[in-house]
């Protein structure tokens, strides 16, 4: 059974036929909810001999959206390494748009010991700031 297509300007809208979804998935049709993030990661391939830096923009239990800057493109299958979280996942590229790529996790992501940790210490003033004027000596 052919798909029904409707043209609006220069955009073609495809409709579902039977159980097959022909249009791209929308955010609310995802299998797992995704979390927005901004983390540094590495795309590793060729037995981890070649790596490309990337930024993890969002992630779910089933995949992620990565931003890869530079002239080298990621291969169709690779390992995603997030050192701060100690996460490693085998990935397969699902889509590419300019510097962004969408990946699907081929297996469940593995958790390993983090290679580095993030330590942030709050710098608090010795005294609580106040808007009251300080008393002058002798008052």
N, C-alpha and C. Protein backbone atom coordinates (compact mmCIF):
# COMPACT_ATOMS: atom_id res chain seq x y z
N UNK A 1 0.85 -1.17 0.00
CA UNK A 1 0.00 0.00 0.00
C UNK A 1 0.89 1.24 0.00
N UNK A 2 0.75 2.16 -0.93
CA UNK A 2 1.64 3.32 -1.02
C UNK A 2 1.38 4.30 0.12
N UNK A 3 2.41 5.08 0.42
CA UNK A 3 2.29 6.10 1.47
C UNK A 3 1.64 7.34 0.90
N UNK A 4 0.87 8.02 1.72
CA UNK A 4 0.25 9.27 1.31
C UNK A 4 1.22 10.40 1.60
N UNK A 5 1.46 11.26 0.63
CA UNK A 5 2.37 12.38 0.81
C UNK A 5 1.63 13.67 0.53
N UNK A 6 1.94 14.69 1.32
CA UNK A 6 1.30 15.99 1.17
C UNK A 6 2.42 17.02 1.10
N UNK A 7 2.36 17.92 0.14
CA UNK A 7 3.40 18.92 -0.02
C UNK A 7 2.91 20.27 0.46
N UNK A 8 3.70 20.91 1.32
CA UNK A 8 3.42 22.25 1.79
C UNK A 8 4.65 23.09 1.50
N UNK A 9 4.59 23.95 0.50
CA UNK A 9 5.77 24.72 0.11
C UNK A 9 6.84 23.77 -0.39
N UNK A 10 8.00 23.79 0.26
CA UNK A 10 9.08 22.89 -0.12
C UNK A 10 9.24 21.73 0.85
N UNK A 11 8.27 21.54 1.77
CA UNK A 11 8.34 20.46 2.76
C UNK A 11 7.35 19.37 2.38
N UNK A 12 7.81 18.13 2.38
CA UNK A 12 6.95 16.99 2.08
C UNK A 12 6.62 16.28 3.38
N UNK A 13 5.34 16.13 3.72
CA UNK A 13 4.90 15.45 4.93
C UNK A 13 4.48 14.04 4.56
N UNK A 14 5.10 13.04 5.19
CA UNK A 14 4.74 11.65 4.95
C UNK A 14 3.84 11.17 6.08
N UNK A 15 2.92 10.28 5.77
CA UNK A 15 1.98 9.77 6.75
C UNK A 15 2.22 8.28 6.95
N UNK A 16 1.82 7.76 8.10
CA UNK A 16 2.02 6.36 8.42
C UNK A 16 1.05 5.49 7.64
N UNK A 17 1.55 4.33 7.22
CA UNK A 17 0.72 3.36 6.52
C UNK A 17 0.82 2.06 7.30
N UNK A 18 -0.29 1.58 7.80
CA UNK A 18 -0.28 0.35 8.58
C UNK A 18 0.51 0.54 9.87
N UNK A 19 1.42 -0.39 10.16
CA UNK A 19 2.24 -0.31 11.36
C UNK A 19 3.58 0.38 11.11
N UNK A 20 3.82 0.85 9.89
CA UNK A 20 5.10 1.45 9.55
C UNK A 20 5.01 2.96 9.69
N UNK A 21 5.88 3.54 10.49
CA UNK A 21 5.93 4.99 10.64
C UNK A 21 6.85 5.53 9.56
N UNK A 22 6.34 6.35 8.68
CA UNK A 22 7.14 6.88 7.58
C UNK A 22 7.71 8.25 7.89
N UNK A 23 7.06 8.98 8.79
CA UNK A 23 7.55 10.30 9.16
C UNK A 23 8.60 10.16 10.26
N UNK A 24 9.51 11.13 10.40
CA UNK A 24 10.49 11.06 11.47
C UNK A 24 9.80 11.07 12.83
N UNK A 25 10.44 10.43 13.81
CA UNK A 25 9.86 10.38 15.14
C UNK A 25 9.88 11.75 15.79
N UNK A 26 8.84 12.06 16.54
CA UNK A 26 8.81 13.30 17.30
C UNK A 26 9.33 13.01 18.70
N UNK A 27 9.57 14.09 19.47
CA UNK A 27 10.14 13.93 20.81
C UNK A 27 9.27 13.07 21.71
N UNK A 28 7.94 13.17 21.60
CA UNK A 28 7.08 12.42 22.50
C UNK A 28 6.90 10.98 22.06
N UNK A 29 7.45 10.58 20.93
CA UNK A 29 7.32 9.20 20.46
C UNK A 29 8.59 8.39 20.73
N UNK A 30 9.50 8.94 21.50
CA UNK A 30 10.76 8.24 21.78
C UNK A 30 10.52 7.06 22.72
N UNK A 31 11.37 6.06 22.60
CA UNK A 31 11.28 4.87 23.44
C UNK A 31 11.63 5.22 24.88
N UNK A 32 12.69 6.00 25.08
CA UNK A 32 13.14 6.38 26.42
C UNK A 32 13.27 7.90 26.49
N UNK A 33 12.91 8.51 27.61
CA UNK A 33 13.05 9.97 27.72
C UNK A 33 14.53 10.36 27.71
N UNK A 34 14.82 11.50 27.12
CA UNK A 34 16.21 11.91 27.05
C UNK A 34 16.48 13.05 28.03
N UNK A 35 17.73 13.13 28.47
CA UNK A 35 18.16 14.17 29.40
C UNK A 35 19.12 15.09 28.67
N UNK A 36 18.87 16.39 28.78
CA UNK A 36 19.79 17.35 28.17
C UNK A 36 21.04 17.42 29.02
N UNK A 37 22.17 17.56 28.37
CA UNK A 37 23.45 17.66 29.08
C UNK A 37 24.47 18.33 28.21
N UNK A 38 25.58 18.64 28.80
CA UNK A 38 26.70 19.25 28.09
C UNK A 38 27.96 18.64 28.68
N UNK A 39 28.35 17.49 28.15
CA UNK A 39 29.50 16.75 28.68
C UNK A 39 30.48 16.46 27.57
N UNK A 40 31.72 16.40 27.96
CA UNK A 40 32.78 16.06 27.03
C UNK A 40 32.84 14.55 26.85
N UNK A 41 33.06 14.12 25.63
CA UNK A 41 33.15 12.70 25.35
C UNK A 41 34.17 12.43 24.26
N UNK A 42 34.40 11.16 24.00
CA UNK A 42 35.32 10.75 22.94
C UNK A 42 34.64 9.69 22.09
N UNK A 43 34.82 9.80 20.79
CA UNK A 43 34.39 8.79 19.84
C UNK A 43 35.65 7.97 19.54
N UNK A 44 35.61 6.69 19.85
CA UNK A 44 36.81 5.84 19.67
C UNK A 44 36.49 4.72 18.70
N UNK A 45 37.42 4.45 17.79
CA UNK A 45 37.27 3.34 16.86
C UNK A 45 38.65 2.81 16.50
N UNK A 46 38.72 1.75 15.70
CA UNK A 46 39.97 1.06 15.36
C UNK A 46 40.67 0.60 16.64
N UNK A 47 39.92 -0.17 17.46
CA UNK A 47 40.44 -0.67 18.74
C UNK A 47 40.94 0.46 19.65
N UNK A 48 40.27 1.58 19.61
CA UNK A 48 40.58 2.77 20.43
C UNK A 48 41.91 3.43 20.06
N UNK A 49 42.44 3.12 18.89
CA UNK A 49 43.67 3.77 18.44
C UNK A 49 43.38 5.15 17.86
N UNK A 50 42.14 5.38 17.41
CA UNK A 50 41.74 6.66 16.84
C UNK A 50 40.59 7.21 17.68
N UNK A 51 40.71 8.47 18.12
CA UNK A 51 39.64 9.10 18.89
C UNK A 51 39.34 10.48 18.32
N UNK A 52 38.08 10.87 18.47
CA UNK A 52 37.62 12.18 18.05
C UNK A 52 36.88 12.77 19.24
N UNK A 53 37.19 14.01 19.58
CA UNK A 53 36.49 14.68 20.67
C UNK A 53 35.06 15.03 20.26
N UNK A 54 34.14 14.98 21.22
CA UNK A 54 32.75 15.34 20.94
C UNK A 54 32.12 15.91 22.20
N UNK A 55 30.97 16.50 22.04
CA UNK A 55 30.16 17.03 23.14
C UNK A 55 28.86 16.25 23.14
N UNK A 56 28.50 15.68 24.29
CA UNK A 56 27.23 14.96 24.43
C UNK A 56 26.17 16.00 24.77
N UNK A 57 25.22 16.20 23.85
CA UNK A 57 24.18 17.23 24.03
C UNK A 57 22.96 16.70 24.76
N UNK A 58 22.57 15.48 24.49
CA UNK A 58 21.50 14.84 25.26
C UNK A 58 21.67 13.33 25.16
N UNK A 59 21.09 12.63 26.14
CA UNK A 59 21.26 11.19 26.20
C UNK A 59 20.02 10.55 26.81
N UNK A 60 19.73 9.34 26.35
CA UNK A 60 18.66 8.53 26.93
C UNK A 60 19.23 7.14 27.18
N UNK A 61 18.39 6.22 27.60
CA UNK A 61 18.85 4.86 27.85
C UNK A 61 19.16 4.12 26.54
N UNK A 62 18.64 4.64 25.41
CA UNK A 62 18.80 3.94 24.14
C UNK A 62 19.71 4.65 23.14
N UNK A 63 20.11 5.90 23.41
CA UNK A 63 20.95 6.60 22.45
C UNK A 63 21.34 7.98 22.93
N UNK A 64 21.98 8.75 22.04
CA UNK A 64 22.46 10.07 22.40
C UNK A 64 22.57 10.96 21.16
N UNK A 65 22.67 12.26 21.40
CA UNK A 65 22.96 13.22 20.34
C UNK A 65 24.31 13.83 20.65
N UNK A 66 25.22 13.74 19.69
CA UNK A 66 26.59 14.20 19.87
C UNK A 66 26.89 15.33 18.90
N UNK A 67 27.73 16.26 19.33
CA UNK A 67 28.21 17.32 18.44
C UNK A 67 29.70 17.09 18.22
N UNK A 68 30.06 16.92 16.96
CA UNK A 68 31.45 16.65 16.59
C UNK A 68 31.94 17.85 15.79
N UNK A 69 32.96 18.51 16.30
CA UNK A 69 33.54 19.66 15.60
C UNK A 69 34.82 19.21 14.91
N UNK A 70 35.11 19.82 13.80
CA UNK A 70 36.34 19.50 13.08
C UNK A 70 36.05 18.91 11.71
N UNK A 71 37.11 18.57 11.02
CA UNK A 71 36.96 18.08 9.65
C UNK A 71 36.84 16.56 9.58
N UNK A 72 37.11 15.85 10.66
CA UNK A 72 37.04 14.39 10.66
C UNK A 72 35.62 13.97 11.04
N UNK A 73 35.02 13.11 10.24
CA UNK A 73 33.68 12.64 10.55
C UNK A 73 33.76 11.30 11.28
N UNK A 74 32.77 11.04 12.08
CA UNK A 74 32.72 9.80 12.85
C UNK A 74 32.31 8.65 11.92
N UNK A 75 32.84 7.45 12.15
CA UNK A 75 32.42 6.30 11.34
C UNK A 75 31.00 5.88 11.72
N UNK A 76 30.45 4.92 11.00
CA UNK A 76 29.07 4.49 11.25
C UNK A 76 28.91 3.72 12.55
N UNK A 77 29.96 3.05 13.02
CA UNK A 77 29.92 2.36 14.32
C UNK A 77 31.18 2.73 15.09
N UNK A 78 31.04 2.94 16.39
CA UNK A 78 32.16 3.34 17.24
C UNK A 78 31.80 3.14 18.70
N UNK A 79 32.76 3.42 19.58
CA UNK A 79 32.52 3.42 21.02
C UNK A 79 32.45 4.86 21.51
N UNK A 80 31.47 5.16 22.35
CA UNK A 80 31.37 6.46 22.99
C UNK A 80 31.93 6.34 24.39
N UNK A 81 32.90 7.19 24.72
CA UNK A 81 33.55 7.17 26.03
C UNK A 81 33.30 8.50 26.72
N UNK A 82 32.69 8.44 27.91
CA UNK A 82 32.49 9.64 28.72
C UNK A 82 33.28 9.42 30.00
N UNK A 83 34.47 10.02 30.07
CA UNK A 83 35.42 9.76 31.16
C UNK A 83 34.88 10.24 32.50
N UNK A 84 34.20 11.36 32.53
CA UNK A 84 33.72 11.92 33.80
C UNK A 84 32.71 11.02 34.49
N UNK A 85 31.87 10.34 33.70
CA UNK A 85 30.86 9.44 34.26
C UNK A 85 31.33 7.99 34.30
N UNK A 86 32.43 7.68 33.63
CA UNK A 86 32.88 6.30 33.54
C UNK A 86 31.94 5.47 32.69
N UNK A 87 31.40 6.06 31.62
CA UNK A 87 30.44 5.38 30.76
C UNK A 87 31.09 5.04 29.43
N UNK A 88 30.86 3.83 28.97
CA UNK A 88 31.31 3.38 27.66
C UNK A 88 30.15 2.69 26.98
N UNK A 89 29.93 2.99 25.70
CA UNK A 89 28.81 2.39 24.98
C UNK A 89 29.19 2.18 23.52
N UNK A 90 28.80 1.03 22.97
CA UNK A 90 28.95 0.78 21.54
C UNK A 90 27.79 1.48 20.84
N UNK A 91 28.10 2.24 19.81
CA UNK A 91 27.09 3.07 19.15
C UNK A 91 27.03 2.80 17.65
N UNK A 92 25.87 3.11 17.10
CA UNK A 92 25.64 3.05 15.66
C UNK A 92 24.98 4.36 15.26
N UNK A 93 25.50 5.02 14.24
CA UNK A 93 24.95 6.31 13.79
C UNK A 93 23.60 6.08 13.13
N UNK A 94 22.60 6.87 13.57
CA UNK A 94 21.25 6.78 13.02
C UNK A 94 21.00 7.94 12.05
N UNK A 95 21.47 9.14 12.40
CA UNK A 95 21.29 10.30 11.53
C UNK A 95 22.47 11.25 11.70
N UNK A 96 22.67 12.11 10.68
CA UNK A 96 23.72 13.14 10.69
C UNK A 96 23.12 14.44 10.19
N UNK A 97 23.37 15.54 10.89
CA UNK A 97 22.96 16.88 10.48
C UNK A 97 24.06 17.85 10.86
N UNK A 98 24.74 18.39 9.86
CA UNK A 98 25.86 19.30 10.05
C UNK A 98 26.84 18.73 11.06
N UNK A 99 27.04 19.37 12.22
CA UNK A 99 28.01 18.89 13.20
C UNK A 99 27.40 17.91 14.20
N UNK A 100 26.09 17.69 14.15
CA UNK A 100 25.42 16.80 15.10
C UNK A 100 25.21 15.41 14.49
N UNK A 101 25.33 14.39 15.34
CA UNK A 101 24.99 13.03 14.92
C UNK A 101 24.12 12.40 16.00
N UNK A 102 23.16 11.62 15.58
CA UNK A 102 22.32 10.87 16.50
C UNK A 102 22.76 9.43 16.49
N UNK A 103 22.97 8.87 17.67
CA UNK A 103 23.45 7.49 17.76
C UNK A 103 22.49 6.64 18.58
N UNK A 104 22.48 5.37 18.26
CA UNK A 104 21.70 4.37 18.99
C UNK A 104 22.70 3.46 19.67
N UNK A 105 22.46 3.16 20.95
CA UNK A 105 23.34 2.24 21.66
C UNK A 105 23.07 0.83 21.17
N UNK A 106 24.11 0.14 20.71
CA UNK A 106 23.98 -1.21 20.19
C UNK A 106 23.73 -2.19 21.34
N UNK A 107 24.38 -1.98 22.46
CA UNK A 107 24.18 -2.79 23.66
C UNK A 107 23.94 -1.86 24.83
N UNK A 108 23.76 -2.42 25.99
CA UNK A 108 23.59 -1.59 27.18
C UNK A 108 24.91 -0.88 27.49
N UNK A 109 24.86 0.42 27.83
CA UNK A 109 26.10 1.12 28.19
C UNK A 109 26.76 0.48 29.40
N UNK A 110 28.10 0.45 29.38
CA UNK A 110 28.87 -0.14 30.48
C UNK A 110 29.36 0.96 31.40
N UNK A 111 29.39 0.67 32.68
CA UNK A 111 29.93 1.61 33.66
C UNK A 111 31.28 1.08 34.12
N UNK A 112 32.31 1.90 33.98
CA UNK A 112 33.66 1.56 34.42
C UNK A 112 34.09 2.61 35.45
N UNK A 113 35.21 2.38 36.08
CA UNK A 113 35.72 3.37 37.04
C UNK A 113 36.03 4.66 36.29
N UNK A 114 35.54 5.80 36.78
CA UNK A 114 35.82 7.07 36.10
C UNK A 114 37.31 7.34 36.03
N UNK A 115 37.76 7.82 34.86
CA UNK A 115 39.18 8.13 34.67
C UNK A 115 39.57 9.41 35.40
N UNK A 116 38.61 10.28 35.63
CA UNK A 116 38.86 11.52 36.34
C UNK A 116 37.60 11.89 37.11
N UNK A 117 37.74 12.76 38.08
CA UNK A 117 36.59 13.19 38.87
C UNK A 117 36.49 14.70 38.81
N UNK A 118 35.31 15.17 39.06
CA UNK A 118 35.07 16.61 39.08
C UNK A 118 34.90 17.00 40.53
N UNK A 119 35.72 17.92 41.00
CA UNK A 119 35.59 18.36 42.39
C UNK A 119 35.38 19.87 42.40
N UNK A 120 34.30 20.24 42.98
CA UNK A 120 33.95 21.66 43.08
C UNK A 120 33.78 21.97 44.56
N UNK A 121 34.48 22.99 45.05
CA UNK A 121 34.32 23.41 46.43
C UNK A 121 33.72 24.80 46.42
N UNK A 122 32.73 24.95 47.25
CA UNK A 122 32.07 26.25 47.34
C UNK A 122 32.97 27.22 48.10
N UNK A 123 33.08 28.40 47.59
CA UNK A 123 33.84 29.44 48.28
C UNK A 123 32.81 30.32 48.97
N UNK A 124 32.78 30.21 50.28
CA UNK A 124 31.81 30.96 51.07
C UNK A 124 32.53 32.07 51.81
N UNK A 125 31.91 33.24 51.91
CA UNK A 125 32.55 34.32 52.67
C UNK A 125 32.61 33.97 54.15
N UNK A 126 33.59 34.54 54.88
CA UNK A 126 33.76 34.26 56.30
C UNK A 126 32.54 34.74 57.09
N UNK A 127 31.99 35.86 56.70
CA UNK A 127 30.80 36.39 57.36
C UNK A 127 29.67 36.48 56.36
N UNK A 128 28.46 36.36 56.87
CA UNK A 128 27.30 36.51 56.01
C UNK A 128 27.18 37.98 55.61
N UNK A 129 27.07 38.27 54.32
CA UNK A 129 26.96 39.67 53.91
C UNK A 129 25.68 40.29 54.46
N UNK A 130 25.77 41.56 54.79
CA UNK A 130 24.61 42.29 55.32
C UNK A 130 24.58 43.68 54.71
N UNK A 131 23.39 44.27 54.71
CA UNK A 131 23.23 45.62 54.19
C UNK A 131 23.31 46.67 55.30
N UNK A 132 23.39 46.22 56.53
CA UNK A 132 23.50 47.16 57.66
C UNK A 132 24.88 47.80 57.67
N UNK A 133 24.91 49.02 58.12
CA UNK A 133 26.19 49.72 58.19
C UNK A 133 26.95 49.21 59.40
N UNK A 134 28.23 49.10 59.23
CA UNK A 134 29.09 48.62 60.31
C UNK A 134 29.26 49.72 61.34
N UNK A 135 29.22 49.36 62.62
CA UNK A 135 29.42 50.40 63.64
C UNK A 135 30.86 50.89 63.60
N UNK A 136 31.00 52.17 63.80
CA UNK A 136 32.35 52.78 63.82
C UNK A 136 32.95 52.55 65.21
N UNK A 137 34.25 52.48 65.27
CA UNK A 137 34.88 52.29 66.59
C UNK A 137 34.52 53.46 67.50
N UNK A 138 34.12 53.12 68.70
CA UNK A 138 33.78 54.15 69.69
C UNK A 138 32.30 54.45 69.73
N UNK A 139 31.51 53.83 68.91
CA UNK A 139 30.06 54.09 68.95
C UNK A 139 29.37 53.12 69.85
